[in-house]
Amino acid sequence: MRENSIKKYRLKRGLTQEELAEKLGVNRVSISYWERGLALPKGSRLLDVSTALGVSVDKLLRPQT
């Protein structure tokens, strides 16, 4: 997953890291790690992220142009 994918779509939705974390039931540090490419959402959490951001898992995984 590209480093900026989650951040890009989070910002498009007008969400802060804290707001996205609350929606997903994780802490803000997790969101920060995902956005910086230091960790990846695990298992079904990836589907939860894509749903919260209104994009497909494919878009989150596809390299940005």
N, C-alpha and C. Protein backbone atom coordinates (compact mmCIF):
# COMPACT_ATOMS: atom_id res chain seq x y z
N MET A 1 0.85 -1.16 0.00
CA MET A 1 0.00 0.00 0.00
C MET A 1 0.90 1.23 0.00
N ARG A 2 0.54 2.18 -0.81
CA ARG A 2 1.32 3.40 -0.87
C ARG A 2 1.15 4.20 0.41
N GLU A 3 2.21 4.83 0.80
CA GLU A 3 2.25 5.60 2.03
C GLU A 3 1.12 6.63 2.13
N ASN A 4 0.83 7.32 1.04
CA ASN A 4 -0.13 8.42 1.09
C ASN A 4 -1.56 8.04 0.75
N SER A 5 -1.85 6.79 0.40
CA SER A 5 -3.19 6.42 0.00
C SER A 5 -4.22 6.71 1.07
N ILE A 6 -4.00 6.21 2.27
CA ILE A 6 -4.98 6.42 3.33
C ILE A 6 -5.09 7.91 3.65
N LYS A 7 -3.98 8.59 3.73
CA LYS A 7 -4.00 10.03 4.02
C LYS A 7 -4.75 10.79 2.93
N LYS A 8 -4.47 10.46 1.69
CA LYS A 8 -5.12 11.14 0.56
C LYS A 8 -6.64 11.02 0.66
N TYR A 9 -7.13 9.81 0.87
CA TYR A 9 -8.57 9.61 0.91
C TYR A 9 -9.18 10.12 2.22
N ARG A 10 -8.41 10.08 3.32
CA ARG A 10 -8.90 10.64 4.58
C ARG A 10 -9.11 12.14 4.43
N LEU A 11 -8.14 12.82 3.82
CA LEU A 11 -8.26 14.26 3.63
C LEU A 11 -9.40 14.61 2.67
N LYS A 12 -9.60 13.80 1.64
CA LYS A 12 -10.72 14.02 0.72
C LYS A 12 -12.06 13.95 1.44
N ARG A 13 -12.13 13.09 2.46
CA ARG A 13 -13.36 12.94 3.25
C ARG A 13 -13.47 14.00 4.35
N GLY A 14 -12.41 14.80 4.51
CA GLY A 14 -12.43 15.86 5.52
C GLY A 14 -12.33 15.33 6.94
N LEU A 15 -11.65 14.20 7.10
CA LEU A 15 -11.51 13.58 8.41
C LEU A 15 -10.13 13.84 9.00
N THR A 16 -10.08 14.01 10.30
CA THR A 16 -8.79 14.06 10.99
C THR A 16 -8.37 12.61 11.27
N GLN A 17 -7.13 12.44 11.65
CA GLN A 17 -6.68 11.10 12.04
C GLN A 17 -7.51 10.60 13.22
N GLU A 18 -7.79 11.47 14.14
CA GLU A 18 -8.58 11.10 15.34
C GLU A 18 -9.99 10.65 14.95
N GLU A 19 -10.62 11.37 14.03
CA GLU A 19 -11.98 11.00 13.59
C GLU A 19 -11.98 9.65 12.89
N LEU A 20 -11.00 9.41 12.02
CA LEU A 20 -10.93 8.13 11.33
C LEU A 20 -10.66 7.01 12.33
N ALA A 21 -9.78 7.27 13.26
CA ALA A 21 -9.47 6.26 14.29
C ALA A 21 -10.73 5.90 15.08
N GLU A 22 -11.51 6.89 15.42
CA GLU A 22 -12.74 6.65 16.18
C GLU A 22 -13.72 5.80 15.37
N LYS A 23 -13.86 6.11 14.08
CA LYS A 23 -14.75 5.33 13.21
C LYS A 23 -14.32 3.87 13.13
N LEU A 24 -13.01 3.65 13.18
CA LEU A 24 -12.48 2.30 13.00
C LEU A 24 -12.24 1.56 14.32
N GLY A 25 -12.37 2.27 15.42
CA GLY A 25 -12.13 1.65 16.72
C GLY A 25 -10.67 1.33 16.98
N VAL A 26 -9.79 2.19 16.45
CA VAL A 26 -8.35 2.05 16.69
C VAL A 26 -7.84 3.37 17.26
N ASN A 27 -6.58 3.40 17.66
CA ASN A 27 -6.04 4.68 18.15
C ASN A 27 -5.42 5.48 17.01
N ARG A 28 -5.26 6.77 17.26
CA ARG A 28 -4.75 7.67 16.23
C ARG A 28 -3.36 7.29 15.77
N VAL A 29 -2.57 6.72 16.65
CA VAL A 29 -1.21 6.31 16.30
C VAL A 29 -1.25 5.25 15.19
N SER A 30 -2.23 4.36 15.23
CA SER A 30 -2.37 3.35 14.17
C SER A 30 -2.57 4.02 12.82
N ILE A 31 -3.44 5.03 12.79
CA ILE A 31 -3.69 5.75 11.55
C ILE A 31 -2.40 6.40 11.06
N SER A 32 -1.69 7.01 11.96
CA SER A 32 -0.42 7.66 11.61
C SER A 32 0.57 6.65 11.02
N TYR A 33 0.69 5.50 11.64
CA TYR A 33 1.59 4.45 11.14
C TYR A 33 1.16 4.00 9.75
N TRP A 34 -0.13 3.79 9.55
CA TRP A 34 -0.62 3.35 8.23
C TRP A 34 -0.31 4.40 7.18
N GLU A 35 -0.54 5.66 7.51
CA GLU A 35 -0.31 6.73 6.54
C GLU A 35 1.16 6.90 6.19
N ARG A 36 2.03 6.60 7.12
CA ARG A 36 3.47 6.75 6.87
C ARG A 36 4.09 5.46 6.32
N GLY A 37 3.28 4.43 6.15
CA GLY A 37 3.80 3.18 5.61
C GLY A 37 4.61 2.37 6.60
N LEU A 38 4.46 2.65 7.89
CA LEU A 38 5.21 1.93 8.91
C LEU A 38 4.49 0.66 9.35
N ALA A 39 3.21 0.58 9.04
CA ALA A 39 2.40 -0.59 9.35
C ALA A 39 1.24 -0.62 8.35
N LEU A 40 0.59 -1.76 8.29
CA LEU A 40 -0.57 -1.92 7.41
C LEU A 40 -1.77 -2.37 8.23
N PRO A 41 -2.98 -1.95 7.83
CA PRO A 41 -4.16 -2.49 8.50
C PRO A 41 -4.19 -4.00 8.27
N LYS A 42 -4.57 -4.76 9.28
CA LYS A 42 -4.58 -6.21 9.17
C LYS A 42 -5.96 -6.75 8.87
N GLY A 43 -5.99 -7.81 8.10
CA GLY A 43 -7.22 -8.57 7.84
C GLY A 43 -8.40 -7.73 7.42
N SER A 44 -9.50 -7.95 8.11
CA SER A 44 -10.74 -7.26 7.75
C SER A 44 -10.65 -5.76 8.03
N ARG A 45 -9.67 -5.33 8.80
CA ARG A 45 -9.51 -3.90 9.08
C ARG A 45 -9.29 -3.12 7.77
N LEU A 46 -8.64 -3.73 6.79
CA LEU A 46 -8.44 -3.07 5.50
C LEU A 46 -9.78 -2.77 4.84
N LEU A 47 -10.70 -3.72 4.93
CA LEU A 47 -12.05 -3.50 4.39
C LEU A 47 -12.75 -2.38 5.16
N ASP A 48 -12.58 -2.36 6.47
CA ASP A 48 -13.17 -1.29 7.29
C ASP A 48 -12.62 0.07 6.89
N VAL A 49 -11.31 0.15 6.63
CA VAL A 49 -10.69 1.41 6.21
C VAL A 49 -11.27 1.85 4.88
N SER A 50 -11.37 0.93 3.93
CA SER A 50 -11.89 1.30 2.61
C SER A 50 -13.34 1.77 2.70
N THR A 51 -14.12 1.12 3.54
CA THR A 51 -15.53 1.52 3.73
C THR A 51 -15.61 2.91 4.36
N ALA A 52 -14.82 3.14 5.40
CA ALA A 52 -14.84 4.44 6.08
C ALA A 52 -14.41 5.57 5.16
N LEU A 53 -13.52 5.27 4.22
CA LEU A 53 -13.00 6.30 3.32
C LEU A 53 -13.78 6.37 2.01
N GLY A 54 -14.70 5.43 1.80
CA GLY A 54 -15.53 5.45 0.60
C GLY A 54 -14.79 5.11 -0.67
N VAL A 55 -13.77 4.26 -0.55
CA VAL A 55 -13.01 3.82 -1.71
C VAL A 55 -12.84 2.30 -1.64
N SER A 56 -12.53 1.71 -2.77
CA SER A 56 -12.32 0.27 -2.80
C SER A 56 -10.95 -0.09 -2.22
N VAL A 57 -10.85 -1.32 -1.75
CA VAL A 57 -9.56 -1.81 -1.27
C VAL A 57 -8.54 -1.70 -2.39
N ASP A 58 -8.97 -1.97 -3.61
CA ASP A 58 -8.09 -1.87 -4.78
C ASP A 58 -7.46 -0.48 -4.89
N LYS A 59 -8.27 0.56 -4.67
CA LYS A 59 -7.72 1.92 -4.75
C LYS A 59 -6.71 2.19 -3.65
N LEU A 60 -6.93 1.60 -2.47
CA LEU A 60 -5.96 1.78 -1.39
C LEU A 60 -4.66 1.07 -1.69
N LEU A 61 -4.74 -0.05 -2.40
CA LEU A 61 -3.55 -0.85 -2.68
C LEU A 61 -2.84 -0.44 -3.95
N ARG A 62 -3.55 0.17 -4.87
CA ARG A 62 -2.97 0.55 -6.15
C ARG A 62 -2.02 1.73 -6.00
N PRO A 63 -0.87 1.66 -6.63
CA PRO A 63 0.05 2.80 -6.57
C PRO A 63 -0.60 4.08 -7.10
N GLN A 64 -0.34 5.18 -6.43
CA GLN A 64 -0.89 6.47 -6.83
C GLN A 64 -0.09 7.05 -7.98
N THR A 65 -0.78 7.75 -8.85
CA THR A 65 -0.10 8.40 -9.97
C THR A 65 -0.10 9.90 -9.80
